[in-house]
Amino acid sequence: MDTNEFISMAESLPMDLKTNLIDRLLNSLQPSRSEIDAFMGKRS
C-alpha cells in the first residue's frame, strides 16, 4: 500500500474512526506532559 492508497482509505472511513485516527497521529507527534515527566524521572 502506498501513501496515496492509505490516504484514500483513511478519507473513506466514518467520521468517528477518522477522528480517532487523527487523535492518535497527533499524540504520536507530541507526547503528553505525563510521558515527558516519566521520561525525565519526575512524578506528579
Protein backbone atom coordinates (compact mmCIF):
# COMPACT_ATOMS: atom_id res chain seq x y z
CA MET A 1 0.00 0.00 0.00
CA ASP A 2 1.44 3.36 -0.96
CA THR A 3 0.79 6.72 0.70
CA ASN A 4 -1.98 7.74 -1.71
CA GLU A 5 -3.83 4.45 -1.16
CA PHE A 6 -3.54 4.88 2.61
CA ILE A 7 -4.85 8.44 2.48
CA SER A 8 -7.76 7.42 0.23
CA MET A 9 -8.63 4.62 2.63
CA ALA A 10 -8.45 6.99 5.63
CA GLU A 11 -10.65 9.53 3.86
CA SER A 12 -13.31 6.90 3.29
CA LEU A 13 -13.57 6.00 6.99
CA PRO A 14 -16.61 7.00 9.07
CA MET A 15 -16.16 10.26 10.98
CA ASP A 16 -15.63 8.60 14.40
CA LEU A 17 -12.82 6.44 13.06
CA LYS A 18 -11.24 9.41 11.28
CA THR A 19 -11.20 11.46 14.47
CA ASN A 20 -9.73 8.53 16.40
CA LEU A 21 -7.00 8.14 13.77
CA ILE A 22 -6.26 11.87 13.80
CA ASP A 23 -6.07 11.91 17.60
CA ARG A 24 -3.64 9.01 17.66
CA LEU A 25 -1.46 10.53 14.95
CA LEU A 26 -1.33 13.89 16.72
CA ASN A 27 -0.49 12.22 20.03
CA SER A 28 2.34 10.35 18.36
CA LEU A 29 3.83 13.68 17.24
CA GLN A 30 3.56 15.42 20.59
CA PRO A 31 3.94 13.36 23.77
CA SER A 32 1.72 14.20 26.72
CA ARG A 33 3.11 16.00 29.77
CA SER A 34 2.92 12.79 31.83
CA GLU A 35 5.02 10.97 29.22
CA ILE A 36 7.61 13.74 29.35
CA ASP A 37 7.65 13.66 33.16
CA ALA A 38 8.02 9.88 33.14
CA PHE A 39 10.92 10.14 30.70
CA MET A 40 12.60 12.74 32.87
CA GLY A 41 12.04 10.67 36.03
CA LYS A 42 9.56 13.05 37.65
CA ARG A 43 6.36 12.09 39.37
CA SER A 44 3.20 14.11 39.77
